[in-house]
Amino acid sequence: MRSPATKSVLAGYLLEEFDYLSEEEAAIGLDVKPLTLVEWRKAGIGPEFTVVARRIVYKRDALEEWLDSGGSKDALK
């Protein structure tokens, strides 16, 4: 069994290796607050996300696709 510290390092490596962004990084990239991403998820809108080890992450490609398809930081208005 891996220790929690080892799991954390492994999860961080895998997220970086597969080009995932944390919720905070995605919010910065979209120029919104992390709470906005939470509200979008509740409303069923916004970019596609994945749950990894109980953390919400966003694939960089999914953010780009969402923006290219007309996604906007004004999605809840």
C-alpha atoms as a PDB file:
ATOM      1  CA  MET A   1       0.000   0.000   0.000  1.00  0.00           C
ATOM      2  CA  ARG A   2       1.331   3.438  -0.921  1.00  0.00           C
ATOM      3  CA  SER A   3       1.632   6.169   1.668  1.00  0.00           C
ATOM      4  CA  PRO A   4      -0.530   9.300   1.222  1.00  0.00           C
ATOM      5  CA  ALA A   5       2.563  11.328   0.313  1.00  0.00           C
ATOM      6  CA  THR A   6       3.505   8.842  -2.411  1.00  0.00           C
ATOM      7  CA  LYS A   7      -0.056   8.862  -3.755  1.00  0.00           C
ATOM      8  CA  SER A   8      -0.014  12.663  -3.868  1.00  0.00           C
ATOM      9  CA  VAL A   9       3.265  12.760  -5.796  1.00  0.00           C
ATOM     10  CA  LEU A  10       2.016  10.076  -8.188  1.00  0.00           C
ATOM     11  CA  ALA A  11      -1.291  11.888  -8.758  1.00  0.00           C
ATOM     12  CA  GLY A  12       0.554  15.163  -9.415  1.00  0.00           C
ATOM     13  CA  TYR A  13       2.838  13.455 -11.912  1.00  0.00           C
ATOM     14  CA  LEU A  14      -0.052  11.835 -13.743  1.00  0.00           C
ATOM     15  CA  LEU A  15      -1.999  15.092 -13.916  1.00  0.00           C
ATOM     16  CA  GLU A  16       1.008  16.887 -15.365  1.00  0.00           C
ATOM     17  CA  GLU A  17       1.890  14.031 -17.717  1.00  0.00           C
ATOM     18  CA  PHE A  18      -1.598  13.931 -19.207  1.00  0.00           C
ATOM     19  CA  ASP A  19      -1.935  17.730 -19.354  1.00  0.00           C
ATOM     20  CA  TYR A  20      -4.614  18.219 -16.714  1.00  0.00           C
ATOM     21  CA  LEU A  21      -5.081  21.486 -14.877  1.00  0.00           C
ATOM     22  CA  SER A  22      -6.313  21.901 -11.331  1.00  0.00           C
ATOM     23  CA  GLU A  23      -9.536  23.796 -10.779  1.00  0.00           C
ATOM     24  CA  GLU A  24      -7.516  26.834  -9.722  1.00  0.00           C
ATOM     25  CA  GLU A  25      -5.290  26.677 -12.820  1.00  0.00           C
ATOM     26  CA  ALA A  26      -8.316  26.274 -15.103  1.00  0.00           C
ATOM     27  CA  ALA A  27     -10.009  29.264 -13.467  1.00  0.00           C
ATOM     28  CA  ILE A  28      -6.919  31.399 -14.033  1.00  0.00           C
ATOM     29  CA  GLY A  29      -6.743  30.271 -17.659  1.00  0.00           C
ATOM     30  CA  LEU A  30     -10.407  31.141 -18.216  1.00  0.00           C
ATOM     31  CA  ASP A  31     -10.124  34.383 -16.229  1.00  0.00           C
ATOM     32  CA  VAL A  32     -12.872  33.373 -13.791  1.00  0.00           C
ATOM     33  CA  LYS A  33     -12.978  32.565 -10.096  1.00  0.00           C
ATOM     34  CA  PRO A  34     -12.835  28.898  -9.058  1.00  0.00           C
ATOM     35  CA  LEU A  35     -16.321  29.335  -7.576  1.00  0.00           C
ATOM     36  CA  THR A  36     -17.576  30.141 -11.078  1.00  0.00           C
ATOM     37  CA  LEU A  37     -16.417  26.710 -12.247  1.00  0.00           C
ATOM     38  CA  VAL A  38     -18.300  25.167  -9.313  1.00  0.00           C
ATOM     39  CA  GLU A  39     -21.482  27.026 -10.308  1.00  0.00           C
ATOM     40  CA  TRP A  40     -21.081  25.973 -13.948  1.00  0.00           C
ATOM     41  CA  ARG A  41     -20.756  22.323 -12.899  1.00  0.00           C
ATOM     42  CA  LYS A  42     -23.901  22.598 -10.757  1.00  0.00           C
ATOM     43  CA  ALA A  43     -25.762  24.115 -13.707  1.00  0.00           C
ATOM     44  CA  GLY A  44     -24.470  21.449 -16.103  1.00  0.00           C
ATOM     45  CA  ILE A  45     -22.620  23.959 -18.263  1.00  0.00           C
ATOM     46  CA  GLY A  46     -18.995  24.890 -18.692  1.00  0.00           C
ATOM     47  CA  PRO A  47     -15.992  22.891 -19.816  1.00  0.00           C
ATOM     48  CA  GLU A  48     -15.761  19.123 -19.423  1.00  0.00           C
ATOM     49  CA  PHE A  49     -14.083  18.047 -16.207  1.00  0.00           C
ATOM     50  CA  THR A  50     -12.744  14.854 -14.673  1.00  0.00           C
ATOM     51  CA  VAL A  51     -12.554  13.681 -11.073  1.00  0.00           C
ATOM     52  CA  VAL A  52      -9.177  12.234 -10.086  1.00  0.00           C
ATOM     53  CA  ALA A  53      -8.672  11.140  -6.494  1.00  0.00           C
ATOM     54  CA  ARG A  54     -11.652  13.272  -5.415  1.00  0.00           C
ATOM     55  CA  ARG A  55     -10.163  16.337  -7.125  1.00  0.00           C
ATOM     56  CA  ILE A  56     -11.800  18.173 -10.015  1.00  0.00           C
ATOM     57  CA  VAL A  57      -9.380  18.590 -12.918  1.00  0.00           C
ATOM     58  CA  TYR A  58      -9.689  19.904 -16.444  1.00  0.00           C
ATOM     59  CA  LYS A  59      -7.888  18.646 -19.506  1.00  0.00           C
ATOM     60  CA  ARG A  60      -6.281  21.549 -21.337  1.00  0.00           C
ATOM     61  CA  ASP A  61      -7.774  20.357 -24.645  1.00  0.00           C
ATOM     62  CA  ALA A  62     -11.289  20.342 -23.114  1.00  0.00           C
ATOM     63  CA  LEU A  63     -10.905  23.968 -22.037  1.00  0.00           C
ATOM     64  CA  GLU A  64      -9.745  24.967 -25.517  1.00  0.00           C
ATOM     65  CA  GLU A  65     -12.604  23.049 -27.169  1.00  0.00           C
ATOM     66  CA  TRP A  66     -15.137  24.663 -24.851  1.00  0.00           C
ATOM     67  CA  LEU A  67     -13.835  28.134 -25.674  1.00  0.00           C
ATOM     68  CA  ASP A  68     -13.703  27.350 -29.410  1.00  0.00           C
ATOM     69  CA  SER A  69     -17.316  26.134 -29.324  1.00  0.00           C
ATOM     70  CA  GLY A  70     -18.476  29.488 -27.985  1.00  0.00           C
ATOM     71  CA  GLY A  71     -18.047  28.884 -24.268  1.00  0.00           C
ATOM     72  CA  SER A  72     -17.799  32.104 -22.351  1.00  0.00           C
ATOM     73  CA  LYS A  73     -17.126  33.288 -18.857  1.00  0.00           C
ATOM     74  CA  ASP A  74     -20.588  34.876 -19.078  1.00  0.00           C
ATOM     75  CA  ALA A  75     -22.234  31.441 -19.374  1.00  0.00           C
ATOM     76  CA  LEU A  76     -24.481  31.911 -16.321  1.00  0.00           C
ATOM     77  CA  LYS A  77     -25.879  35.267 -17.401  1.00  0.00           C
END
